[in-house]
Amino acid sequence: MMAQYSEPTLTEGSRTLYETTEMGLSAKNLRACAEAEQASFRLAPPGPSPVLEACQEKLRSVVESPWYRYGVLCAVLANALMLCCFNNTNPDSGLQRAIYSSEVYFTAIFVADIVVRFVAQGWRRCFTSGWYMTDLVVTILSVLHFIPGVVNLSGIRLLYAIKYLHLVPYLEATAIMVSTLQRSVVVLRDLFLLAMVFFTFFGIVGVQIWGGQLGHRCVDPTTGVQVVDFWYGTDSDKVCSLDRLSFQCPGNSTCMDLQAPLAAGTVSFDNILLAWLTLFQTMSTEGWSFNMFHAMDATTPAAVIYFILVVILGLHILVQVLQGLMTSMLCDAVEEHKEARKAAGLPASLVS
């Protein structure tokens, strides 16, 4: 007797796997389908209220309108006019009391502007905007003067007007210059790093050579009184050298370390900060030769090489490169302005 053939029974899981295999789906696709089905049951994060979005959009249109910017610009100029009328010699007059009272209202206007722009534009857009961060710092500094003992810095609120000056008729070139400054931030950052390397290198060299050397003066050993150099007449800042390589004190006077400051302590290589200040003065070419003469008197006449290098590399390379970059970017901005007006079918502007 032949055994009767019976079709094997499939469990629910096996039947599902069998059916999916019949459809040509792999195990990877099956897993993806399961994950997609689970994700469909997850609750999506609640979005902003439509009413809130509508209010924010309306507020954004107000903030970006020309009339709002004109209002802020007028507030800045009015605040600047009031501050120009301030007279500290008669603080109890009616005008001065009015100026003091107006500071509260102007501060409230600028704080309200910061808050309104934050709500309208959102925190991400605000904190990534250089203009907004500048206005925020300016507003905070102008608010701090209400704290007793804090210096009044409300005058820096005039920086608010820079970004709105292009709205004034016949001042459209201001927008081009501001745009040039914005573009030059990256280049100026790299140039600033190069300048820091320059200042640090020459500053360290100056500290190693002239650290503590510019405080030497000629002193009468019997009286202990500083001797005025006869070559310089009444120049009591004449620096002398403790060795025989440079300037020697005249007569019976002796070179001693008095730690006497030069130019009220602004010319020194005793530390890196004072060295940076001395290098900045040298690069400005304001009395740089006197700094060189003092360094030569303290150590060696070869110090002239150091100061000539500072003037040539610092003034005629760093500063000239900065001027060239700014001029090139300004020319590019002017060309783009001309092309934009031409494409829009507008007449040539004053800067074209």
C-alpha atoms as a PDB file:
ATOM      1  CA  MET A   1       0.000   0.000   0.000  1.00  0.00           C
ATOM      2  CA  MET A   2       1.516   3.219  -1.112  1.00  0.00           C
ATOM      3  CA  ALA A   3       1.914   6.032   1.399  1.00  0.00           C
ATOM      4  CA  GLN A   4      -0.301   8.988   0.610  1.00  0.00           C
ATOM      5  CA  TYR A   5       1.661  12.201  -0.137  1.00  0.00           C
ATOM      6  CA  SER A   6       0.684  15.153   2.007  1.00  0.00           C
ATOM      7  CA  GLU A   7       1.811  18.773   1.411  1.00  0.00           C
ATOM      8  CA  PRO A   8       4.001  20.003   4.251  1.00  0.00           C
ATOM      9  CA  THR A   9       2.393  22.597   6.506  1.00  0.00           C
ATOM     10  CA  LEU A  10       4.050  25.993   6.908  1.00  0.00           C
ATOM     11  CA  THR A  11       4.086  28.073  10.021  1.00  0.00           C
ATOM     12  CA  GLU A  12       3.090  31.744   9.867  1.00  0.00           C
ATOM     13  CA  GLY A  13       6.697  32.955   9.903  1.00  0.00           C
ATOM     14  CA  SER A  14       7.776  30.391   7.319  1.00  0.00           C
ATOM     15  CA  ARG A  15       4.842  31.284   5.085  1.00  0.00           C
ATOM     16  CA  THR A  16       5.782  34.977   5.274  1.00  0.00           C
ATOM     17  CA  LEU A  17       9.386  34.215   4.447  1.00  0.00           C
ATOM     18  CA  TYR A  18       8.302  31.943   1.623  1.00  0.00           C
ATOM     19  CA  GLU A  19       5.977  34.535   0.151  1.00  0.00           C
ATOM     20  CA  THR A  20       8.610  37.246   0.371  1.00  0.00           C
ATOM     21  CA  THR A  21      11.147  35.003  -1.283  1.00  0.00           C
ATOM     22  CA  GLU A  22       8.667  34.297  -4.045  1.00  0.00           C
ATOM     23  CA  MET A  23       8.369  38.035  -4.633  1.00  0.00           C
ATOM     24  CA  GLY A  24      12.140  38.253  -4.960  1.00  0.00           C
ATOM     25  CA  LEU A  25      12.792  40.246  -1.772  1.00  0.00           C
ATOM     26  CA  SER A  26      16.012  39.641   0.094  1.00  0.00           C
ATOM     27  CA  ALA A  27      16.442  39.598   3.842  1.00  0.00           C
ATOM     28  CA  LYS A  28      17.957  43.101   3.688  1.00  0.00           C
ATOM     29  CA  ASN A  29      14.880  44.475   1.930  1.00  0.00           C
ATOM     30  CA  LEU A  30      12.650  42.701   4.406  1.00  0.00           C
ATOM     31  CA  ARG A  31      14.472  44.385   7.293  1.00  0.00           C
ATOM     32  CA  ALA A  32      14.138  47.757   5.580  1.00  0.00           C
ATOM     33  CA  CYS A  33      10.400  47.250   5.171  1.00  0.00           C
ATOM     34  CA  ALA A  34      10.045  46.372   8.833  1.00  0.00           C
ATOM     35  CA  GLU A  35      11.975  49.467   9.912  1.00  0.00           C
ATOM     36  CA  ALA A  36       9.879  51.670   7.623  1.00  0.00           C
ATOM     37  CA  GLU A  37       6.682  50.192   9.096  1.00  0.00           C
ATOM     38  CA  GLN A  38       7.921  50.883  12.628  1.00  0.00           C
ATOM     39  CA  ALA A  39       8.929  54.425  11.695  1.00  0.00           C
ATOM     40  CA  SER A  40       5.439  55.103  10.382  1.00  0.00           C
ATOM     41  CA  PHE A  41       4.057  54.578  13.877  1.00  0.00           C
ATOM     42  CA  ARG A  42       6.491  56.995  15.514  1.00  0.00           C
ATOM     43  CA  LEU A  43       5.186  60.404  16.426  1.00  0.00           C
ATOM     44  CA  ALA A  44       6.761  63.254  14.459  1.00  0.00           C
ATOM     45  CA  PRO A  45       8.094  66.125  16.537  1.00  0.00           C
ATOM     46  CA  PRO A  46       5.543  68.868  16.881  1.00  0.00           C
ATOM     47  CA  GLY A  47       6.192  71.710  14.454  1.00  0.00           C
ATOM     48  CA  PRO A  48       5.704  75.393  15.120  1.00  0.00           C
ATOM     49  CA  SER A  49       2.191  76.652  15.343  1.00  0.00           C
ATOM     50  CA  PRO A  50       0.825  78.077  12.078  1.00  0.00           C
ATOM     51  CA  VAL A  51      -0.248  81.177  13.983  1.00  0.00           C
ATOM     52  CA  LEU A  52       3.283  81.598  15.350  1.00  0.00           C
ATOM     53  CA  GLU A  53       4.786  81.129  11.891  1.00  0.00           C
ATOM     54  CA  ALA A  54       2.434  83.729  10.440  1.00  0.00           C
ATOM     55  CA  CYS A  55       3.308  86.207  13.191  1.00  0.00           C
ATOM     56  CA  GLN A  56       7.031  85.580  12.699  1.00  0.00           C
ATOM     57  CA  GLU A  57       6.725  86.055   8.938  1.00  0.00           C
ATOM     58  CA  LYS A  58       4.825  89.300   9.439  1.00  0.00           C
ATOM     59  CA  LEU A  59       7.421  90.520  11.940  1.00  0.00           C
ATOM     60  CA  ARG A  60      10.218  89.569   9.538  1.00  0.00           C
ATOM     61  CA  SER A  61       8.641  91.624   6.755  1.00  0.00           C
ATOM     62  CA  VAL A  62       8.454  94.600   9.121  1.00  0.00           C
ATOM     63  CA  VAL A  63      12.103  94.252  10.184  1.00  0.00           C
ATOM     64  CA  GLU A  64      13.319  93.977   6.598  1.00  0.00           C
ATOM     65  CA  SER A  65      11.224  96.907   5.341  1.00  0.00           C
ATOM     66  CA  PRO A  66      12.980 100.189   4.465  1.00  0.00           C
ATOM     67  CA  TRP A  67      10.761 102.158   6.868  1.00  0.00           C
ATOM     68  CA  TYR A  68      11.923 100.136   9.840  1.00  0.00           C
ATOM     69  CA  ARG A  69      15.555 100.713   8.862  1.00  0.00           C
ATOM     70  CA  TYR A  70      14.894 104.419   8.371  1.00  0.00           C
ATOM     71  CA  GLY A  71      13.417 104.524  11.863  1.00  0.00           C
ATOM     72  CA  VAL A  72      16.462 102.865  13.429  1.00  0.00           C
ATOM     73  CA  LEU A  73      18.788 105.173  11.482  1.00  0.00           C
ATOM     74  CA  CYS A  74      16.881 108.255  12.663  1.00  0.00           C
ATOM     75  CA  ALA A  75      17.069 107.010  16.258  1.00  0.00           C
ATOM     76  CA  VAL A  76      20.839 106.536  15.943  1.00  0.00           C
ATOM     77  CA  LEU A  77      21.371 109.997  14.456  1.00  0.00           C
ATOM     78  CA  ALA A  78      19.109 111.623  17.058  1.00  0.00           C
ATOM     79  CA  ASN A  79      21.030 109.861  19.829  1.00  0.00           C
ATOM     80  CA  ALA A  80      24.328 111.049  18.329  1.00  0.00           C
ATOM     81  CA  LEU A  81      23.000 114.622  18.153  1.00  0.00           C
ATOM     82  CA  MET A  82      21.974 114.519  21.800  1.00  0.00           C
ATOM     83  CA  LEU A  83      25.373 113.192  22.848  1.00  0.00           C
ATOM     84  CA  CYS A  84      27.110 115.934  20.862  1.00  0.00           C
ATOM     85  CA  CYS A  85      25.195 118.510  22.918  1.00  0.00           C
ATOM     86  CA  PHE A  86      26.468 117.060  26.182  1.00  0.00           C
ATOM     87  CA  ASN A  87      28.448 119.537  28.277  1.00  0.00           C
ATOM     88  CA  ASN A  88      30.081 118.211  31.412  1.00  0.00           C
ATOM     89  CA  THR A  89      30.903 121.668  32.753  1.00  0.00           C
ATOM     90  CA  ASN A  90      27.235 122.385  33.526  1.00  0.00           C
ATOM     91  CA  PRO A  91      25.609 119.005  34.269  1.00  0.00           C
ATOM     92  CA  ASP A  92      22.649 120.509  36.179  1.00  0.00           C
ATOM     93  CA  SER A  93      21.243 122.557  33.310  1.00  0.00           C
ATOM     94  CA  GLY A  94      17.916 121.697  31.729  1.00  0.00           C
ATOM     95  CA  LEU A  95      19.535 120.516  28.503  1.00  0.00           C
ATOM     96  CA  GLN A  96      21.884 118.153  30.289  1.00  0.00           C
ATOM     97  CA  ARG A  97      19.051 116.671  32.337  1.00  0.00           C
ATOM     98  CA  ALA A  98      17.115 116.141  29.110  1.00  0.00           C
ATOM     99  CA  ILE A  99      20.120 114.353  27.617  1.00  0.00           C
ATOM    100  CA  TYR A 100      20.361 112.105  30.670  1.00  0.00           C
ATOM    101  CA  SER A 101      16.646 111.306  30.434  1.00  0.00           C
ATOM    102  CA  SER A 102      16.841 110.612  26.691  1.00  0.00           C
ATOM    103  CA  GLU A 103      19.479 107.928  27.271  1.00  0.00           C
ATOM    104  CA  VAL A 104      16.853 105.720  28.890  1.00  0.00           C
ATOM    105  CA  TYR A 105      14.506 106.016  25.911  1.00  0.00           C
ATOM    106  CA  PHE A 106      17.227 105.513  23.305  1.00  0.00           C
ATOM    107  CA  THR A 107      18.538 102.466  25.153  1.00  0.00           C
ATOM    108  CA  ALA A 108      15.016 101.023  25.274  1.00  0.00           C
ATOM    109  CA  ILE A 109      14.674 101.556  21.498  1.00  0.00           C
ATOM    110  CA  PHE A 110      17.900  99.704  20.706  1.00  0.00           C
ATOM    111  CA  VAL A 111      17.152  96.867  23.132  1.00  0.00           C
ATOM    112  CA  ALA A 112      13.710  96.502  21.542  1.00  0.00           C
ATOM    113  CA  ASP A 113      15.351  96.402  18.099  1.00  0.00           C
ATOM    114  CA  ILE A 114      17.642  93.566  19.208  1.00  0.00           C
ATOM    115  CA  VAL A 115      14.719  91.575  20.657  1.00  0.00           C
ATOM    116  CA  VAL A 116      12.439  92.120  17.647  1.00  0.00           C
ATOM    117  CA  ARG A 117      15.115  91.054  15.180  1.00  0.00           C
ATOM    118  CA  PHE A 118      15.874  87.973  17.275  1.00  0.00           C
ATOM    119  CA  VAL A 119      12.216  86.913  17.270  1.00  0.00           C
ATOM    120  CA  ALA A 120      11.729  87.690  13.585  1.00  0.00           C
ATOM    121  CA  GLN A 121      14.883  86.099  12.207  1.00  0.00           C
ATOM    122  CA  GLY A 122      15.456  83.266  14.676  1.00  0.00           C
ATOM    123  CA  TRP A 123      18.459  82.490  16.827  1.00  0.00           C
ATOM    124  CA  ARG A 124      20.363  80.598  14.147  1.00  0.00           C
ATOM    125  CA  ARG A 125      20.282  83.415  11.626  1.00  0.00           C
ATOM    126  CA  CYS A 126      21.005  86.055  14.261  1.00  0.00           C
ATOM    127  CA  PHE A 127      23.995  84.369  15.872  1.00  0.00           C
ATOM    128  CA  THR A 128      25.565  83.665  12.481  1.00  0.00           C
ATOM    129  CA  SER A 129      25.212  87.292  11.358  1.00  0.00           C
ATOM    130  CA  GLY A 130      28.177  89.549  11.959  1.00  0.00           C
ATOM    131  CA  TRP A 131      25.964  92.651  11.955  1.00  0.00           C
ATOM    132  CA  TYR A 132      23.615  91.255  14.579  1.00  0.00           C
ATOM    133  CA  MET A 133      26.464  90.180  16.867  1.00  0.00           C
ATOM    134  CA  THR A 134      28.064  93.623  16.512  1.00  0.00           C
ATOM    135  CA  ASP A 135      24.776  95.323  17.368  1.00  0.00           C
ATOM    136  CA  LEU A 136      24.288  92.960  20.311  1.00  0.00           C
ATOM    137  CA  VAL A 137      27.718  93.765  21.780  1.00  0.00           C
ATOM    138  CA  VAL A 138      27.171  97.503  21.223  1.00  0.00           C
ATOM    139  CA  THR A 139      23.773  97.361  22.930  1.00  0.00           C
ATOM    140  CA  ILE A 140      25.104  95.421  25.913  1.00  0.00           C
ATOM    141  CA  LEU A 141      27.951  97.902  26.383  1.00  0.00           C
ATOM    142  CA  SER A 142      25.533 100.832  26.172  1.00  0.00           C
ATOM    143  CA  VAL A 143      23.263  99.228  28.779  1.00  0.00           C
ATOM    144  CA  LEU A 144      26.094  98.631  31.229  1.00  0.00           C
ATOM    145  CA  HIS A 145      26.605 102.362  31.808  1.00  0.00           C
ATOM    146  CA  PHE A 146      23.455 102.389  33.955  1.00  0.00           C
ATOM    147  CA  ILE A 147      25.447 100.399  36.521  1.00  0.00           C
ATOM    148  CA  PRO A 148      27.140 102.804  38.967  1.00  0.00           C
ATOM    149  CA  GLY A 149      30.873 103.064  38.411  1.00  0.00           C
ATOM    150  CA  VAL A 150      30.809 101.759  34.815  1.00  0.00           C
ATOM    151  CA  VAL A 151      32.152 104.010  32.067  1.00  0.00           C
ATOM    152  CA  ASN A 152      29.492 105.417  29.745  1.00  0.00           C
ATOM    153  CA  LEU A 153      30.047 103.863  26.311  1.00  0.00           C
ATOM    154  CA  SER A 154      26.665 104.701  24.819  1.00  0.00           C
ATOM    155  CA  GLY A 155      28.378 106.735  22.103  1.00  0.00           C
ATOM    156  CA  ILE A 156      29.456 103.554  20.321  1.00  0.00           C
ATOM    157  CA  ARG A 157      25.830 103.078  19.295  1.00  0.00           C
ATOM    158  CA  LEU A 158      26.718 105.228  16.297  1.00  0.00           C
ATOM    159  CA  LEU A 159      28.076 101.985  14.785  1.00  0.00           C
ATOM    160  CA  TYR A 160      24.433 101.084  14.232  1.00  0.00           C
ATOM    161  CA  ALA A 161      24.276 103.679  11.465  1.00  0.00           C
ATOM    162  CA  ILE A 162      26.972 102.085   9.292  1.00  0.00           C
ATOM    163  CA  LYS A 163      24.773  99.355   7.860  1.00  0.00           C
ATOM    164  CA  TYR A 164      21.900 101.784   7.196  1.00  0.00           C
ATOM    165  CA  LEU A 165      23.811 104.672   5.614  1.00  0.00           C
ATOM    166  CA  HIS A 166      23.234 103.311   2.131  1.00  0.00           C
ATOM    167  CA  LEU A 167      19.539 104.165   2.560  1.00  0.00           C
ATOM    168  CA  VAL A 168      20.411 107.869   2.587  1.00  0.00           C
ATOM    169  CA  PRO A 169      20.186 109.433  -0.893  1.00  0.00           C
ATOM    170  CA  TYR A 170      23.522 110.054  -2.626  1.00  0.00           C
ATOM    171  CA  LEU A 171      25.293 107.704  -0.197  1.00  0.00           C
ATOM    172  CA  GLU A 172      24.968 104.518  -2.243  1.00  0.00           C
ATOM    173  CA  ALA A 173      28.758 104.190  -2.354  1.00  0.00           C
ATOM    174  CA  THR A 174      28.622 103.487   1.366  1.00  0.00           C
ATOM    175  CA  ALA A 175      27.025 100.115   0.644  1.00  0.00           C
ATOM    176  CA  ILE A 176      29.914  99.273  -1.669  1.00  0.00           C
ATOM    177  CA  MET A 177      32.491 100.154   0.965  1.00  0.00           C
ATOM    178  CA  VAL A 178      30.652  98.175   3.646  1.00  0.00           C
ATOM    179  CA  SER A 179      30.415  95.218   1.277  1.00  0.00           C
ATOM    180  CA  THR A 180      34.152  95.491   0.670  1.00  0.00           C
ATOM    181  CA  LEU A 181      34.829  95.373   4.398  1.00  0.00           C
ATOM    182  CA  GLN A 182      32.633  92.293   4.757  1.00  0.00           C
ATOM    183  CA  ARG A 183      34.457  90.516   1.938  1.00  0.00           C
ATOM    184  CA  SER A 184      37.849  91.410   3.334  1.00  0.00           C
ATOM    185  CA  VAL A 185      37.246  89.722   6.703  1.00  0.00           C
ATOM    186  CA  VAL A 186      38.837  86.427   5.609  1.00  0.00           C
ATOM    187  CA  VAL A 187      41.799  88.165   3.965  1.00  0.00           C
ATOM    188  CA  LEU A 188      42.252  90.473   6.934  1.00  0.00           C
ATOM    189  CA  ARG A 189      42.201  87.456   9.241  1.00  0.00           C
ATOM    190  CA  ASP A 190      45.056  85.824   7.332  1.00  0.00           C
ATOM    191  CA  LEU A 191      46.953  89.107   7.163  1.00  0.00           C
ATOM    192  CA  PHE A 192      46.443  89.593  10.898  1.00  0.00           C
ATOM    193  CA  LEU A 193      47.945  86.166  11.582  1.00  0.00           C
ATOM    194  CA  LEU A 194      50.918  87.070   9.384  1.00  0.00           C
ATOM    195  CA  ALA A 195      51.317  90.345  11.291  1.00  0.00           C
ATOM    196  CA  MET A 196      51.200  88.466  14.611  1.00  0.00           C
ATOM    197  CA  VAL A 197      54.003  86.194  13.420  1.00  0.00           C
ATOM    198  CA  PHE A 198      55.969  89.285  12.376  1.00  0.00           C
ATOM    199  CA  PHE A 199      55.434  91.084  15.697  1.00  0.00           C
ATOM    200  CA  THR A 200      56.148  87.962  17.748  1.00  0.00           C
ATOM    201  CA  PHE A 201      59.367  87.157  15.889  1.00  0.00           C
ATOM    202  CA  PHE A 202      60.834  90.646  16.095  1.00  0.00           C
ATOM    203  CA  GLY A 203      59.460  91.084  19.617  1.00  0.00           C
ATOM    204  CA  ILE A 204      61.241  87.988  20.899  1.00  0.00           C
ATOM    205  CA  VAL A 205      64.476  89.066  19.217  1.00  0.00           C
ATOM    206  CA  GLY A 206      64.139  92.518  20.770  1.00  0.00           C
ATOM    207  CA  VAL A 207      63.503  91.105  24.263  1.00  0.00           C
ATOM    208  CA  GLN A 208      66.546  88.841  23.995  1.00  0.00           C
ATOM    209  CA  ILE A 209      68.826  91.698  22.903  1.00  0.00           C
ATOM    210  CA  TRP A 210      67.508  94.800  24.705  1.00  0.00           C
ATOM    211  CA  GLY A 211      65.599  93.321  27.625  1.00  0.00           C
ATOM    212  CA  GLY A 212      66.577  95.447  30.652  1.00  0.00           C
ATOM    213  CA  GLN A 213      69.151  97.398  28.602  1.00  0.00           C
ATOM    214  CA  LEU A 214      67.214 100.615  27.951  1.00  0.00           C
ATOM    215  CA  GLY A 215      67.100 101.581  31.627  1.00  0.00           C
ATOM    216  CA  HIS A 216      70.837 102.346  31.904  1.00  0.00           C
ATOM    217  CA  ARG A 217      71.753 105.959  32.666  1.00  0.00           C
ATOM    218  CA  CYS A 218      74.909 107.912  33.409  1.00  0.00           C
ATOM    219  CA  VAL A 219      75.208 108.656  37.132  1.00  0.00           C
ATOM    220  CA  ASP A 220      77.693 110.655  39.165  1.00  0.00           C
ATOM    221  CA  PRO A 221      79.196 108.031  41.530  1.00  0.00           C
ATOM    222  CA  THR A 222      79.781 110.549  44.321  1.00  0.00           C
ATOM    223  CA  THR A 223      76.333 112.128  44.416  1.00  0.00           C
ATOM    224  CA  GLY A 224      74.230 109.401  42.818  1.00  0.00           C
ATOM    225  CA  VAL A 225      72.594 112.026  40.630  1.00  0.00           C
ATOM    226  CA  GLN A 226      71.824 111.253  37.013  1.00  0.00           C
ATOM    227  CA  VAL A 227      74.153 113.133  34.683  1.00  0.00           C
ATOM    228  CA  VAL A 228      72.724 115.012  31.742  1.00  0.00           C
ATOM    229  CA  ASP A 229      74.588 114.103  28.595  1.00  0.00           C
ATOM    230  CA  PHE A 230      76.476 117.051  27.139  1.00  0.00           C
ATOM    231  CA  TRP A 231      75.954 115.808  23.577  1.00  0.00           C
ATOM    232  CA  TYR A 232      72.194 115.930  23.948  1.00  0.00           C
ATOM    233  CA  GLY A 233      71.996 119.097  26.056  1.00  0.00           C
ATOM    234  CA  THR A 234      68.987 118.583  28.331  1.00  0.00           C
ATOM    235  CA  ASP A 235      68.178 115.055  27.171  1.00  0.00           C
ATOM    236  CA  SER A 236      68.149 113.097  30.420  1.00  0.00           C
ATOM    237  CA  ASP A 237      66.924 109.966  28.598  1.00  0.00           C
ATOM    238  CA  LYS A 238      70.340 109.309  27.125  1.00  0.00           C
ATOM    239  CA  VAL A 239      70.962 105.568  27.360  1.00  0.00           C
ATOM    240  CA  CYS A 240      74.446 104.261  28.105  1.00  0.00           C
ATOM    241  CA  SER A 241      76.132 100.895  27.704  1.00  0.00           C
ATOM    242  CA  LEU A 242      77.576  98.761  30.486  1.00  0.00           C
ATOM    243  CA  ASP A 243      80.175  97.299  28.143  1.00  0.00           C
ATOM    244  CA  ARG A 244      82.612  98.916  25.727  1.00  0.00           C
ATOM    245  CA  LEU A 245      80.654  98.228  22.556  1.00  0.00           C
ATOM    246  CA  SER A 246      78.529 101.375  22.516  1.00  0.00           C
ATOM    247  CA  PHE A 247      77.969 104.706  24.254  1.00  0.00           C
ATOM    248  CA  GLN A 248      80.187 105.395  27.262  1.00  0.00           C
ATOM    249  CA  CYS A 249      79.378 107.905  29.979  1.00  0.00           C
ATOM    250  CA  PRO A 250      81.356 111.171  29.777  1.00  0.00           C
ATOM    251  CA  GLY A 251      83.762 112.425  32.430  1.00  0.00           C
ATOM    252  CA  ASN A 252      83.771 110.637  35.765  1.00  0.00           C
ATOM    253  CA  SER A 253      80.162 109.462  35.525  1.00  0.00           C
ATOM    254  CA  THR A 254      79.342 105.756  35.595  1.00  0.00           C
ATOM    255  CA  CYS A 255      76.738 103.804  33.667  1.00  0.00           C
ATOM    256  CA  MET A 256      74.273 102.225  36.096  1.00  0.00           C
ATOM    257  CA  ASP A 257      71.039 100.320  35.766  1.00  0.00           C
ATOM    258  CA  LEU A 258      68.423 102.736  37.098  1.00  0.00           C
ATOM    259  CA  GLN A 259      65.519 100.964  35.367  1.00  0.00           C
ATOM    260  CA  ALA A 260      64.514 104.432  34.193  1.00  0.00           C
ATOM    261  CA  PRO A 261      61.628 104.365  31.716  1.00  0.00           C
ATOM    262  CA  LEU A 262      61.915 105.763  28.211  1.00  0.00           C
ATOM    263  CA  ALA A 263      59.068 107.934  26.936  1.00  0.00           C
ATOM    264  CA  ALA A 264      56.991 107.285  30.070  1.00  0.00           C
ATOM    265  CA  GLY A 265      57.611 103.540  29.746  1.00  0.00           C
ATOM    266  CA  THR A 266      56.195 103.201  26.233  1.00  0.00           C
ATOM    267  CA  VAL A 267      59.566 102.352  24.667  1.00  0.00           C
ATOM    268  CA  SER A 268      60.961  99.157  26.128  1.00  0.00           C
ATOM    269  CA  PHE A 269      61.858  95.566  25.345  1.00  0.00           C
ATOM    270  CA  ASP A 270      61.512  94.259  28.892  1.00  0.00           C
ATOM    271  CA  ASN A 271      58.639  91.945  27.916  1.00  0.00           C
ATOM    272  CA  ILE A 272      56.842  90.875  24.771  1.00  0.00           C
ATOM    273  CA  LEU A 273      53.891  93.267  25.256  1.00  0.00           C
ATOM    274  CA  LEU A 274      56.114  96.334  25.577  1.00  0.00           C
ATOM    275  CA  ALA A 275      58.149  95.038  22.650  1.00  0.00           C
ATOM    276  CA  TRP A 276      54.979  94.900  20.521  1.00  0.00           C
ATOM    277  CA  LEU A 277      54.172  98.479  21.521  1.00  0.00           C
ATOM    278  CA  THR A 278      57.694  99.620  20.605  1.00  0.00           C
ATOM    279  CA  LEU A 279      57.487  97.823  17.261  1.00  0.00           C
ATOM    280  CA  PHE A 280      54.127  99.459  16.536  1.00  0.00           C
ATOM    281  CA  GLN A 281      55.629 102.880  17.222  1.00  0.00           C
ATOM    282  CA  THR A 282      58.556 102.036  14.983  1.00  0.00           C
ATOM    283  CA  MET A 283      56.268 100.926  12.144  1.00  0.00           C
ATOM    284  CA  SER A 284      54.281 104.144  12.430  1.00  0.00           C
ATOM    285  CA  THR A 285      57.594 105.993  11.766  1.00  0.00           C
ATOM    286  CA  GLU A 286      56.673 108.415  14.551  1.00  0.00           C
ATOM    287  CA  GLY A 287      59.986 109.009  16.337  1.00  0.00           C
ATOM    288  CA  TRP A 288      61.271 105.597  15.267  1.00  0.00           C
ATOM    289  CA  SER A 289      64.790 106.963  14.796  1.00  0.00           C
ATOM    290  CA  PHE A 290      65.012 107.891  18.488  1.00  0.00           C
ATOM    291  CA  ASN A 291      64.107 104.305  19.415  1.00  0.00           C
ATOM    292  CA  MET A 292      66.874 103.112  17.114  1.00  0.00           C
ATOM    293  CA  PHE A 293      69.422 105.547  18.617  1.00  0.00           C
ATOM    294  CA  HIS A 294      68.559 104.402  22.158  1.00  0.00           C
ATOM    295  CA  ALA A 295      68.993 100.758  21.154  1.00  0.00           C
ATOM    296  CA  MET A 296      72.302 101.553  19.472  1.00  0.00           C
ATOM    297  CA  ASP A 297      73.555 103.394  22.573  1.00  0.00           C
ATOM    298  CA  ALA A 298      72.538 100.509  24.854  1.00  0.00           C
ATOM    299  CA  THR A 299      74.181  97.647  22.933  1.00  0.00           C
ATOM    300  CA  THR A 300      75.816  98.077  19.556  1.00  0.00           C
ATOM    301  CA  PRO A 301      75.547 100.288  16.452  1.00  0.00           C
ATOM    302  CA  ALA A 302      74.514  97.161  14.562  1.00  0.00           C
ATOM    303  CA  ALA A 303      71.036  97.656  16.060  1.00  0.00           C
ATOM    304  CA  VAL A 304      70.326  99.832  13.032  1.00  0.00           C
ATOM    305  CA  ILE A 305      69.872  96.612  10.995  1.00  0.00           C
ATOM    306  CA  TYR A 306      67.045  95.463  13.272  1.00  0.00           C
ATOM    307  CA  PHE A 307      65.073  98.698  13.030  1.00  0.00           C
ATOM    308  CA  ILE A 308      65.551  99.085   9.286  1.00  0.00           C
ATOM    309  CA  LEU A 309      64.205  95.565   8.786  1.00  0.00           C
ATOM    310  CA  VAL A 310      61.211  96.363  10.979  1.00  0.00           C
ATOM    311  CA  VAL A 311      60.427  99.497   8.974  1.00  0.00           C
ATOM    312  CA  ILE A 312      60.935  97.866   5.580  1.00  0.00           C
ATOM    313  CA  LEU A 313      59.144  94.576   6.276  1.00  0.00           C
ATOM    314  CA  GLY A 314      56.463  95.993   8.534  1.00  0.00           C
ATOM    315  CA  LEU A 315      55.595  99.297   6.939  1.00  0.00           C
ATOM    316  CA  HIS A 316      56.446  98.784   3.286  1.00  0.00           C
ATOM    317  CA  ILE A 317      55.272  95.182   2.998  1.00  0.00           C
ATOM    318  CA  LEU A 318      52.511  94.450   5.535  1.00  0.00           C
ATOM    319  CA  VAL A 319      50.851  97.849   5.279  1.00  0.00           C
ATOM    320  CA  GLN A 320      51.260  98.064   1.517  1.00  0.00           C
ATOM    321  CA  VAL A 321      49.815  94.572   1.082  1.00  0.00           C
ATOM    322  CA  LEU A 322      46.801  95.619   3.186  1.00  0.00           C
ATOM    323  CA  GLN A 323      46.282  98.723   1.080  1.00  0.00           C
ATOM    324  CA  GLY A 324      46.626  96.761  -2.159  1.00  0.00           C
ATOM    325  CA  LEU A 325      44.127  94.100  -1.073  1.00  0.00           C
ATOM    326  CA  MET A 326      41.549  96.655   0.044  1.00  0.00           C
ATOM    327  CA  THR A 327      41.949  98.625  -3.194  1.00  0.00           C
ATOM    328  CA  SER A 328      41.543  95.489  -5.316  1.00  0.00           C
ATOM    329  CA  MET A 329      38.422  94.380  -3.437  1.00  0.00           C
ATOM    330  CA  LEU A 330      36.923  97.854  -3.675  1.00  0.00           C
ATOM    331  CA  CYS A 331      37.452  97.876  -7.443  1.00  0.00           C
ATOM    332  CA  ASP A 332      35.780  94.458  -7.731  1.00  0.00           C
ATOM    333  CA  ALA A 333      32.814  95.653  -5.663  1.00  0.00           C
ATOM    334  CA  VAL A 334      32.418  98.732  -7.859  1.00  0.00           C
ATOM    335  CA  GLU A 335      32.459  96.588 -11.025  1.00  0.00           C
ATOM    336  CA  GLU A 336      29.831  94.249  -9.600  1.00  0.00           C
ATOM    337  CA  HIS A 337      27.703  97.259  -8.644  1.00  0.00           C
ATOM    338  CA  LYS A 338      27.909  98.595 -12.185  1.00  0.00           C
ATOM    339  CA  GLU A 339      27.009  95.210 -13.689  1.00  0.00           C
ATOM    340  CA  ALA A 340      24.050  94.801 -11.324  1.00  0.00           C
ATOM    341  CA  ARG A 341      22.635  98.204 -12.233  1.00  0.00           C
ATOM    342  CA  LYS A 342      23.173  97.506 -15.921  1.00  0.00           C
ATOM    343  CA  ALA A 343      21.407  94.155 -15.683  1.00  0.00           C
ATOM    344  CA  ALA A 344      18.487  95.758 -13.868  1.00  0.00           C
ATOM    345  CA  GLY A 345      18.200  98.473 -16.515  1.00  0.00           C
ATOM    346  CA  LEU A 346      18.996 101.250 -14.045  1.00  0.00           C
ATOM    347  CA  PRO A 347      20.918 104.373 -14.967  1.00  0.00           C
ATOM    348  CA  ALA A 348      24.558 104.696 -14.113  1.00  0.00           C
ATOM    349  CA  SER A 349      25.168 105.553 -10.472  1.00  0.00           C
ATOM    350  CA  LEU A 350      27.522 108.099  -9.002  1.00  0.00           C
ATOM    351  CA  VAL A 351      30.204 105.468  -8.487  1.00  0.00           C
ATOM    352  CA  SER A 352      29.980 104.078 -12.024  1.00  0.00           C
END
